[in-house]
C-alpha cells in the first residue's frame, strides 16, 4: 500500500499526503510546497508517507 501511495505522491503530492494523514496541517503545508515548486511537494509527500 505504501508503494501505491508513493507513486500517487509523485504524480499528485497533496493527494498522497491526504491519503496518509487526511486534511490537516501536513496537507496544507504540502499544498503550499507544491505551489512553490513541484519537487519540494514531492519530497515532502514521500517523507510523510515513509515516516509513518
PDB file of N, CA and C in Angstrom:
ATOM      1  N   UNK A   1       0.826  -1.197   0.000  1.00  0.00           N
ATOM      2  CA  UNK A   1       0.000   0.000   0.000  1.00  0.00           C
ATOM      3  C   UNK A   1       0.869   1.260   0.000  1.00  0.00           C
ATOM      4  N   UNK A   2       1.991   1.226   0.722  1.00  0.00           N
ATOM      5  CA  UNK A   2       2.866   2.397   0.741  1.00  0.00           C
ATOM      6  C   UNK A   2       3.450   2.676  -0.638  1.00  0.00           C
ATOM      7  N   UNK A   3       3.743   1.629  -1.395  1.00  0.00           N
ATOM      8  CA  UNK A   3       4.276   1.828  -2.737  1.00  0.00           C
ATOM      9  C   UNK A   3       3.265   2.567  -3.612  1.00  0.00           C
ATOM     10  N   UNK A   4       2.006   2.205  -3.502  1.00  0.00           N
ATOM     11  CA  UNK A   4       0.958   2.892  -4.260  1.00  0.00           C
ATOM     12  C   UNK A   4       0.853   4.356  -3.827  1.00  0.00           C
ATOM     13  N   UNK A   5       0.931   4.613  -2.533  1.00  0.00           N
ATOM     14  CA  UNK A   5       0.873   5.995  -2.047  1.00  0.00           C
ATOM     15  C   UNK A   5       2.067   6.802  -2.527  1.00  0.00           C
ATOM     16  N   UNK A   6       3.240   6.187  -2.579  1.00  0.00           N
ATOM     17  CA  UNK A   6       4.421   6.899  -3.065  1.00  0.00           C
ATOM     18  C   UNK A   6       4.278   7.224  -4.545  1.00  0.00           C
ATOM     19  N   UNK A   7       3.746   6.303  -5.324  1.00  0.00           N
ATOM     20  CA  UNK A   7       3.513   6.583  -6.747  1.00  0.00           C
ATOM     21  C   UNK A   7       2.503   7.706  -6.933  1.00  0.00           C
ATOM     22  N   UNK A   8       1.459   7.706  -6.124  1.00  0.00           N
ATOM     23  CA  UNK A   8       0.476   8.792  -6.179  1.00  0.00           C
ATOM     24  C   UNK A   8       1.120  10.103  -5.755  1.00  0.00           C
ATOM     25  N   UNK A   9       1.996  10.048  -4.738  1.00  0.00           N
ATOM     26  CA  UNK A   9       2.672  11.255  -4.251  1.00  0.00           C
ATOM     27  C   UNK A   9       3.586  11.848  -5.307  1.00  0.00           C
ATOM     28  N   UNK A  10       4.146  11.015  -6.169  1.00  0.00           N
ATOM     29  CA  UNK A  10       4.999  11.536  -7.239  1.00  0.00           C
ATOM     30  C   UNK A  10       4.150  12.242  -8.294  1.00  0.00           C
ATOM     31  N   UNK A  11       2.986  11.710  -8.573  1.00  0.00           N
ATOM     32  CA  UNK A  11       2.110  12.323  -9.571  1.00  0.00           C
ATOM     33  C   UNK A  11       1.357  13.528  -9.015  1.00  0.00           C
ATOM     34  N   UNK A  12       0.754  13.377  -7.843  1.00  0.00           N
ATOM     35  CA  UNK A  12      -0.015  14.439  -7.194  1.00  0.00           C
ATOM     36  C   UNK A  12       0.337  14.461  -5.703  1.00  0.00           C
ATOM     37  N   UNK A  13       1.354  15.216  -5.334  1.00  0.00           N
ATOM     38  CA  UNK A  13       1.828  15.188  -3.949  1.00  0.00           C
ATOM     39  C   UNK A  13       0.747  15.442  -2.884  1.00  0.00           C
ATOM     40  N   UNK A  14      -0.135  16.430  -3.044  1.00  0.00           N
ATOM     41  CA  UNK A  14      -1.143  16.628  -1.992  1.00  0.00           C
ATOM     42  C   UNK A  14      -2.089  15.434  -1.825  1.00  0.00           C
ATOM     43  N   UNK A  15      -2.383  14.735  -2.899  1.00  0.00           N
ATOM     44  CA  UNK A  15      -3.249  13.564  -2.803  1.00  0.00           C
ATOM     45  C   UNK A  15      -2.572  12.459  -1.997  1.00  0.00           C
ATOM     46  N   UNK A  16      -1.279  12.269  -2.207  1.00  0.00           N
ATOM     47  CA  UNK A  16      -0.547  11.273  -1.431  1.00  0.00           C
ATOM     48  C   UNK A  16      -0.552  11.587   0.054  1.00  0.00           C
ATOM     49  N   UNK A  17      -0.371  12.853   0.401  1.00  0.00           N
ATOM     50  CA  UNK A  17      -0.403  13.262   1.807  1.00  0.00           C
ATOM     51  C   UNK A  17      -1.810  13.114   2.357  1.00  0.00           C
ATOM     52  N   UNK A  18      -2.814  13.477   1.579  1.00  0.00           N
ATOM     53  CA  UNK A  18      -4.193  13.349   2.027  1.00  0.00           C
ATOM     54  C   UNK A  18      -4.538  11.895   2.342  1.00  0.00           C
ATOM     55  N   UNK A  19      -4.104  10.981   1.492  1.00  0.00           N
ATOM     56  CA  UNK A  19      -4.388   9.562   1.727  1.00  0.00           C
ATOM     57  C   UNK A  19      -3.697   9.048   2.986  1.00  0.00           C
ATOM     58  N   UNK A  20      -2.573   9.654   3.341  1.00  0.00           N
ATOM     59  CA  UNK A  20      -1.820   9.206   4.507  1.00  0.00           C
ATOM     60  C   UNK A  20      -2.338   9.821   5.804  1.00  0.00           C
ATOM     61  N   UNK A  21      -2.552  11.145   5.818  1.00  0.00           N
ATOM     62  CA  UNK A  21      -2.883  11.834   7.076  1.00  0.00           C
ATOM     63  C   UNK A  21      -4.226  12.545   7.068  1.00  0.00           C
ATOM     64  N   UNK A  22      -4.871  12.651   5.941  1.00  0.00           N
ATOM     65  CA  UNK A  22      -6.131  13.376   5.883  1.00  0.00           C
ATOM     66  C   UNK A  22      -5.888  14.878   5.764  1.00  0.00           C
ATOM     67  N   UNK A  23      -6.959  15.642   5.976  1.00  0.00           N
ATOM     68  CA  UNK A  23      -6.828  17.102   5.888  1.00  0.00           C
ATOM     69  C   UNK A  23      -6.368  17.604   7.252  1.00  0.00           C
ATOM     70  N   UNK A  24      -5.178  18.141   7.253  1.00  0.00           N
ATOM     71  CA  UNK A  24      -4.570  18.650   8.477  1.00  0.00           C
ATOM     72  C   UNK A  24      -3.444  19.588   8.105  1.00  0.00           C
ATOM     73  N   UNK A  25      -2.602  19.870   9.060  1.00  0.00           N
ATOM     74  CA  UNK A  25      -1.501  20.805   8.832  1.00  0.00           C
ATOM     75  C   UNK A  25      -0.548  20.303   7.761  1.00  0.00           C
ATOM     76  N   UNK A  26      -0.210  19.010   7.785  1.00  0.00           N
ATOM     77  CA  UNK A  26       0.728  18.463   6.799  1.00  0.00           C
ATOM     78  C   UNK A  26       0.169  18.565   5.383  1.00  0.00           C
ATOM     79  N   UNK A  27      -1.125  18.388   5.240  1.00  0.00           N
ATOM     80  CA  UNK A  27      -1.764  18.503   3.927  1.00  0.00           C
ATOM     81  C   UNK A  27      -1.621  19.928   3.383  1.00  0.00           C
ATOM     82  N   UNK A  28      -1.894  20.925   4.203  1.00  0.00           N
ATOM     83  CA  UNK A  28      -1.812  22.315   3.755  1.00  0.00           C
ATOM     84  C   UNK A  28      -0.374  22.735   3.500  1.00  0.00           C
ATOM     85  N   UNK A  29       0.559  22.235   4.309  1.00  0.00           N
ATOM     86  CA  UNK A  29       1.972  22.509   4.069  1.00  0.00           C
ATOM     87  C   UNK A  29       2.379  21.943   2.712  1.00  0.00           C
ATOM     88  N   UNK A  30       1.895  20.749   2.404  1.00  0.00           N
ATOM     89  CA  UNK A  30       2.241  20.133   1.136  1.00  0.00           C
ATOM     90  C   UNK A  30       1.649  20.895  -0.039  1.00  0.00           C
ATOM     91  N   UNK A  31       0.454  21.400   0.101  1.00  0.00           N
ATOM     92  CA  UNK A  31      -0.134  22.197  -0.980  1.00  0.00           C
ATOM     93  C   UNK A  31       0.707  23.449  -1.229  1.00  0.00           C
ATOM     94  N   UNK A  32       1.126  24.115  -0.163  1.00  0.00           N
ATOM     95  CA  UNK A  32       1.956  25.319  -0.317  1.00  0.00           C
ATOM     96  C   UNK A  32       3.289  24.965  -0.974  1.00  0.00           C
ATOM     97  N   UNK A  33       3.924  23.876  -0.513  1.00  0.00           N
ATOM     98  CA  UNK A  33       5.194  23.468  -1.112  1.00  0.00           C
ATOM     99  C   UNK A  33       5.036  23.090  -2.583  1.00  0.00           C
ATOM    100  N   UNK A  34       3.936  22.441  -2.911  1.00  0.00           N
ATOM    101  CA  UNK A  34       3.698  22.054  -4.299  1.00  0.00           C
ATOM    102  C   UNK A  34       3.472  23.284  -5.173  1.00  0.00           C
ATOM    103  N   UNK A  35       2.794  24.284  -4.639  1.00  0.00           N
ATOM    104  CA  UNK A  35       2.585  25.511  -5.409  1.00  0.00           C
ATOM    105  C   UNK A  35       3.886  26.285  -5.589  1.00  0.00           C
ATOM    106  N   UNK A  36       4.766  26.227  -4.592  1.00  0.00           N
ATOM    107  CA  UNK A  36       6.049  26.923  -4.695  1.00  0.00           C
ATOM    108  C   UNK A  36       7.029  26.196  -5.619  1.00  0.00           C
ATOM    109  N   UNK A  37       6.862  24.908  -5.719  1.00  0.00           N
ATOM    110  CA  UNK A  37       7.731  24.115  -6.593  1.00  0.00           C
ATOM    111  C   UNK A  37       7.298  22.668  -6.517  1.00  0.00           C
ATOM    112  N   UNK A  38       7.241  22.028  -7.637  1.00  0.00           N
ATOM    113  CA  UNK A  38       6.720  20.664  -7.686  1.00  0.00           C
ATOM    114  C   UNK A  38       7.613  19.688  -6.920  1.00  0.00           C
ATOM    115  N   UNK A  39       8.920  19.852  -7.039  1.00  0.00           N
ATOM    116  CA  UNK A  39       9.869  18.939  -6.389  1.00  0.00           C
ATOM    117  C   UNK A  39       9.782  19.019  -4.858  1.00  0.00           C
ATOM    118  N   UNK A  40       9.734  20.205  -4.245  1.00  0.00           N
ATOM    119  CA  UNK A  40       9.581  20.234  -2.785  1.00  0.00           C
ATOM    120  C   UNK A  40       8.295  19.550  -2.312  1.00  0.00           C
ATOM    121  N   UNK A  41       7.243  19.658  -3.082  1.00  0.00           N
ATOM    122  CA  UNK A  41       5.995  18.974  -2.749  1.00  0.00           C
ATOM    123  C   UNK A  41       6.150  17.463  -2.785  1.00  0.00           C
ATOM    124  N   UNK A  42       6.863  16.964  -3.768  1.00  0.00           N
ATOM    125  CA  UNK A  42       7.103  15.521  -3.879  1.00  0.00           C
ATOM    126  C   UNK A  42       7.956  15.034  -2.718  1.00  0.00           C
ATOM    127  N   UNK A  43       9.030  15.761  -2.417  1.00  0.00           N
ATOM    128  CA  UNK A  43       9.924  15.367  -1.323  1.00  0.00           C
ATOM    129  C   UNK A  43       9.163  15.326  -0.006  1.00  0.00           C
ATOM    130  N   UNK A  44       8.370  16.334   0.257  1.00  0.00           N
ATOM    131  CA  UNK A  44       7.596  16.379   1.494  1.00  0.00           C
ATOM    132  C   UNK A  44       6.591  15.234   1.553  1.00  0.00           C
ATOM    133  N   UNK A  45       5.912  14.970   0.459  1.00  0.00           N
ATOM    134  CA  UNK A  45       4.912  13.899   0.432  1.00  0.00           C
ATOM    135  C   UNK A  45       5.550  12.533   0.673  1.00  0.00           C
ATOM    136  N   UNK A  46       6.663  12.273   0.014  1.00  0.00           N
ATOM    137  CA  UNK A  46       7.338  10.986   0.203  1.00  0.00           C
ATOM    138  C   UNK A  46       7.853  10.865   1.627  1.00  0.00           C
ATOM    139  N   UNK A  47       8.345  11.966   2.189  1.00  0.00           N
ATOM    140  CA  UNK A  47       8.822  11.958   3.570  1.00  0.00           C
ATOM    141  C   UNK A  47       7.676  11.640   4.543  1.00  0.00           C
ATOM    142  N   UNK A  48       6.515  12.238   4.340  1.00  0.00           N
ATOM    143  CA  UNK A  48       5.348  11.976   5.200  1.00  0.00           C
ATOM    144  C   UNK A  48       4.931  10.526   5.091  1.00  0.00           C
ATOM    145  N   UNK A  49       4.907   9.983   3.890  1.00  0.00           N
ATOM    146  CA  UNK A  49       4.483   8.595   3.700  1.00  0.00           C
ATOM    147  C   UNK A  49       5.505   7.625   4.289  1.00  0.00           C
ATOM    148  N   UNK A  50       6.783   7.887   4.073  1.00  0.00           N
ATOM    149  CA  UNK A  50       7.830   6.984   4.575  1.00  0.00           C
ATOM    150  C   UNK A  50       7.954   7.036   6.092  1.00  0.00           C
ATOM    151  N   UNK A  51       7.627   8.183   6.685  1.00  0.00           N
ATOM    152  CA  UNK A  51       7.747   8.352   8.126  1.00  0.00           C
ATOM    153  C   UNK A  51       6.728   7.522   8.901  1.00  0.00           C
ATOM    154  N   UNK A  52       5.574   7.306   8.340  1.00  0.00           N
ATOM    155  CA  UNK A  52       4.515   6.601   9.072  1.00  0.00           C
ATOM    156  C   UNK A  52       4.447   5.160   8.721  1.00  0.00           C
TER     157      UNK A  52
END
